[in-house]
Amino acid sequence: MVRRPGDPDPVSARAVSGLIAAVGLWLLAAPAVLHHPTRYPDVRAVVVDLVTGASVLIVGGFAAVAPDLGQHARRLLLVLGLLLMLLPIVLGYSGYPALIGAERNDLLTGAAIVLLSLAAVFLGRREPR
């Protein structure tokens, strides 16, 4: 079968989903690497990174290896990325000097997840079932 320009590329969509799963690994490591504070109330940033990182890792892994769930999982990754960008504001740790690194990490990592998941959704938009 010959691919024509504009045809979906499920292999690339799976590769991008695997890259998103690697971003989940970064979120799991970020509290230790960036030295997030671990005392209350500053621990919120640690909890957000660990819970979101585990979720992104699991869902990204499913999107990379399970063709039947791929598109749904990629859309869920889009929501997780948006959620990661909003949580510093919603949970109230935006603007704390001790958590500025955590806030910036959440914003940038969330934006990366959103952009990569949009690319994965576009690449696999008509993935065979």
C-alpha atoms as a PDB file:
ATOM      1  CA  MET A   1       0.000   0.000   0.000  1.00  0.00           C
ATOM      2  CA  VAL A   2       1.358   3.387  -1.014  1.00  0.00           C
ATOM      3  CA  ARG A   3       0.842   6.370   1.279  1.00  0.00           C
ATOM      4  CA  ARG A   4      -0.329   9.535  -0.366  1.00  0.00           C
ATOM      5  CA  PRO A   5       0.229  13.043   1.024  1.00  0.00           C
ATOM      6  CA  GLY A   6      -2.426  13.795   3.616  1.00  0.00           C
ATOM      7  CA  ASP A   7      -3.028  10.145   4.534  1.00  0.00           C
ATOM      8  CA  PRO A   8      -2.991   9.332   8.260  1.00  0.00           C
ATOM      9  CA  ASP A   9       0.200   7.898   9.671  1.00  0.00           C
ATOM     10  CA  PRO A  10      -0.667   5.657  12.641  1.00  0.00           C
ATOM     11  CA  VAL A  11       2.971   4.631  13.140  1.00  0.00           C
ATOM     12  CA  SER A  12       4.012   8.265  13.621  1.00  0.00           C
ATOM     13  CA  ALA A  13       1.018   8.857  15.893  1.00  0.00           C
ATOM     14  CA  ARG A  14       2.146   5.962  18.062  1.00  0.00           C
ATOM     15  CA  ALA A  15       5.713   7.274  18.116  1.00  0.00           C
ATOM     16  CA  VAL A  16       4.506  10.713  19.253  1.00  0.00           C
ATOM     17  CA  SER A  17       2.363   9.019  21.907  1.00  0.00           C
ATOM     18  CA  GLY A  18       5.463   7.212  23.135  1.00  0.00           C
ATOM     19  CA  LEU A  19       7.260  10.550  23.337  1.00  0.00           C
ATOM     20  CA  ILE A  20       4.379  11.889  25.440  1.00  0.00           C
ATOM     21  CA  ALA A  21       4.807   8.889  27.760  1.00  0.00           C
ATOM     22  CA  ALA A  22       8.462   9.925  28.148  1.00  0.00           C
ATOM     23  CA  VAL A  23       7.244  13.386  29.185  1.00  0.00           C
ATOM     24  CA  GLY A  24       5.282  11.570  31.897  1.00  0.00           C
ATOM     25  CA  LEU A  25       8.575  10.124  33.126  1.00  0.00           C
ATOM     26  CA  TRP A  26       9.960  13.662  33.324  1.00  0.00           C
ATOM     27  CA  LEU A  27       6.995  14.743  35.439  1.00  0.00           C
ATOM     28  CA  LEU A  28       7.662  11.854  37.815  1.00  0.00           C
ATOM     29  CA  ALA A  29      11.308  12.901  38.150  1.00  0.00           C
ATOM     30  CA  ALA A  30      10.757  16.679  38.186  1.00  0.00           C
ATOM     31  CA  PRO A  31      10.084  17.084  41.930  1.00  0.00           C
ATOM     32  CA  ALA A  32      13.468  15.540  42.746  1.00  0.00           C
ATOM     33  CA  VAL A  33      15.365  17.157  39.870  1.00  0.00           C
ATOM     34  CA  LEU A  34      13.915  20.635  40.426  1.00  0.00           C
ATOM     35  CA  HIS A  35      13.948  20.320  44.239  1.00  0.00           C
ATOM     36  CA  HIS A  36      10.273  21.074  44.831  1.00  0.00           C
ATOM     37  CA  PRO A  37       9.529  21.934  48.479  1.00  0.00           C
ATOM     38  CA  THR A  38       7.957  19.026  50.341  1.00  0.00           C
ATOM     39  CA  ARG A  39       6.311  20.830  53.276  1.00  0.00           C
ATOM     40  CA  TYR A  40       2.641  21.737  53.383  1.00  0.00           C
ATOM     41  CA  PRO A  41       1.246  23.787  51.581  1.00  0.00           C
ATOM     42  CA  ASP A  42       4.097  23.673  49.052  1.00  0.00           C
ATOM     43  CA  VAL A  43       3.733  19.912  48.622  1.00  0.00           C
ATOM     44  CA  ARG A  44       0.824  20.543  46.223  1.00  0.00           C
ATOM     45  CA  ALA A  45       3.268  20.972  43.344  1.00  0.00           C
ATOM     46  CA  VAL A  46       4.886  17.615  44.126  1.00  0.00           C
ATOM     47  CA  VAL A  47       1.512  15.853  44.227  1.00  0.00           C
ATOM     48  CA  VAL A  48       0.426  17.456  40.940  1.00  0.00           C
ATOM     49  CA  ASP A  49       3.617  16.394  39.162  1.00  0.00           C
ATOM     50  CA  LEU A  50       3.525  12.834  40.505  1.00  0.00           C
ATOM     51  CA  VAL A  51      -0.173  12.200  39.824  1.00  0.00           C
ATOM     52  CA  THR A  52      -0.162  13.877  36.419  1.00  0.00           C
ATOM     53  CA  GLY A  53       3.151  12.246  35.486  1.00  0.00           C
ATOM     54  CA  ALA A  54       1.858   8.770  36.311  1.00  0.00           C
ATOM     55  CA  SER A  55      -1.357   9.449  34.388  1.00  0.00           C
ATOM     56  CA  VAL A  56       0.491  10.750  31.328  1.00  0.00           C
ATOM     57  CA  LEU A  57       2.910   7.813  31.425  1.00  0.00           C
ATOM     58  CA  ILE A  58       0.102   5.231  31.588  1.00  0.00           C
ATOM     59  CA  VAL A  59      -2.210   6.864  29.038  1.00  0.00           C
ATOM     60  CA  GLY A  60       0.684   7.688  26.696  1.00  0.00           C
ATOM     61  CA  GLY A  61       1.843   4.086  26.885  1.00  0.00           C
ATOM     62  CA  PHE A  62      -1.642   2.843  26.022  1.00  0.00           C
ATOM     63  CA  ALA A  63      -1.856   5.304  23.133  1.00  0.00           C
ATOM     64  CA  ALA A  64       1.479   4.050  21.823  1.00  0.00           C
ATOM     65  CA  VAL A  65       0.731   0.321  21.945  1.00  0.00           C
ATOM     66  CA  ALA A  66      -3.063  -0.115  21.786  1.00  0.00           C
ATOM     67  CA  PRO A  67      -4.421   0.768  18.340  1.00  0.00           C
ATOM     68  CA  ASP A  68      -8.043   0.368  19.426  1.00  0.00           C
ATOM     69  CA  LEU A  69      -7.687   2.925  22.222  1.00  0.00           C
ATOM     70  CA  GLY A  70      -5.147   5.171  20.497  1.00  0.00           C
ATOM     71  CA  GLN A  71      -7.262   8.142  19.427  1.00  0.00           C
ATOM     72  CA  HIS A  72      -9.293   8.225  22.636  1.00  0.00           C
ATOM     73  CA  ALA A  73      -6.127   8.038  24.723  1.00  0.00           C
ATOM     74  CA  ARG A  74      -4.521  10.840  22.693  1.00  0.00           C
ATOM     75  CA  ARG A  75      -7.541  13.050  23.326  1.00  0.00           C
ATOM     76  CA  LEU A  76      -7.307  12.243  27.028  1.00  0.00           C
ATOM     77  CA  LEU A  77      -3.638  13.281  26.923  1.00  0.00           C
ATOM     78  CA  LEU A  78      -4.734  16.619  25.484  1.00  0.00           C
ATOM     79  CA  VAL A  79      -7.037  17.104  28.486  1.00  0.00           C
ATOM     80  CA  LEU A  80      -4.265  16.074  30.908  1.00  0.00           C
ATOM     81  CA  GLY A  81      -1.907  18.629  29.354  1.00  0.00           C
ATOM     82  CA  LEU A  82      -4.475  21.400  29.694  1.00  0.00           C
ATOM     83  CA  LEU A  83      -5.179  20.325  33.260  1.00  0.00           C
ATOM     84  CA  LEU A  84      -1.466  20.421  34.102  1.00  0.00           C
ATOM     85  CA  MET A  85      -1.289  23.988  32.810  1.00  0.00           C
ATOM     86  CA  LEU A  86      -4.294  25.076  34.893  1.00  0.00           C
ATOM     87  CA  LEU A  87      -3.538  23.316  38.185  1.00  0.00           C
ATOM     88  CA  PRO A  88      -1.000  25.851  39.500  1.00  0.00           C
ATOM     89  CA  ILE A  89      -3.714  28.508  39.312  1.00  0.00           C
ATOM     90  CA  VAL A  90      -6.559  26.301  40.523  1.00  0.00           C
ATOM     91  CA  LEU A  91      -4.628  24.895  43.486  1.00  0.00           C
ATOM     92  CA  GLY A  92      -3.196  28.281  44.361  1.00  0.00           C
ATOM     93  CA  TYR A  93       0.538  27.671  44.123  1.00  0.00           C
ATOM     94  CA  SER A  94       0.959  30.074  41.243  1.00  0.00           C
ATOM     95  CA  GLY A  95       3.054  33.052  42.266  1.00  0.00           C
ATOM     96  CA  TYR A  96       4.757  31.535  45.330  1.00  0.00           C
ATOM     97  CA  PRO A  97       8.486  32.346  45.114  1.00  0.00           C
ATOM     98  CA  ALA A  98       9.457  28.870  46.385  1.00  0.00           C
ATOM     99  CA  LEU A  99       7.341  27.220  43.678  1.00  0.00           C
ATOM    100  CA  ILE A 100       8.157  29.369  40.647  1.00  0.00           C
ATOM    101  CA  GLY A 101      10.228  26.521  39.150  1.00  0.00           C
ATOM    102  CA  ALA A 102       7.388  24.062  39.673  1.00  0.00           C
ATOM    103  CA  GLU A 103       4.880  26.470  38.146  1.00  0.00           C
ATOM    104  CA  ARG A 104       7.014  27.106  35.072  1.00  0.00           C
ATOM    105  CA  ASN A 105       7.698  23.387  34.695  1.00  0.00           C
ATOM    106  CA  ASP A 106       3.967  22.618  34.829  1.00  0.00           C
ATOM    107  CA  LEU A 107       3.164  25.313  32.261  1.00  0.00           C
ATOM    108  CA  LEU A 108       5.909  24.294  29.828  1.00  0.00           C
ATOM    109  CA  THR A 109       5.413  20.564  30.248  1.00  0.00           C
ATOM    110  CA  GLY A 110       1.637  20.950  29.920  1.00  0.00           C
ATOM    111  CA  ALA A 111       2.114  22.965  26.737  1.00  0.00           C
ATOM    112  CA  ALA A 112       4.442  20.269  25.350  1.00  0.00           C
ATOM    113  CA  ILE A 113       1.859  17.573  26.139  1.00  0.00           C
ATOM    114  CA  VAL A 114      -0.897  19.602  24.458  1.00  0.00           C
ATOM    115  CA  LEU A 115       1.161  20.223  21.301  1.00  0.00           C
ATOM    116  CA  LEU A 116       2.390  16.638  21.048  1.00  0.00           C
ATOM    117  CA  SER A 117      -1.085  15.198  21.642  1.00  0.00           C
ATOM    118  CA  LEU A 118      -2.555  17.492  18.975  1.00  0.00           C
ATOM    119  CA  ALA A 119       0.113  16.237  16.577  1.00  0.00           C
ATOM    120  CA  ALA A 120      -0.624  12.616  17.530  1.00  0.00           C
ATOM    121  CA  VAL A 121      -4.386  13.098  17.095  1.00  0.00           C
ATOM    122  CA  PHE A 122      -3.812  14.681  13.689  1.00  0.00           C
ATOM    123  CA  LEU A 123      -1.368  11.972  12.565  1.00  0.00           C
ATOM    124  CA  GLY A 124      -3.660   9.130  13.598  1.00  0.00           C
ATOM    125  CA  ARG A 125      -6.997  10.740  12.779  1.00  0.00           C
ATOM    126  CA  ARG A 126      -8.210   7.803  10.676  1.00  0.00           C
ATOM    127  CA  GLU A 127      -6.321   5.001  12.343  1.00  0.00           C
ATOM    128  CA  PRO A 128      -7.700   1.578  11.346  1.00  0.00           C
ATOM    129  CA  ARG A 129      -9.557  -0.333  14.057  1.00  0.00           C
END
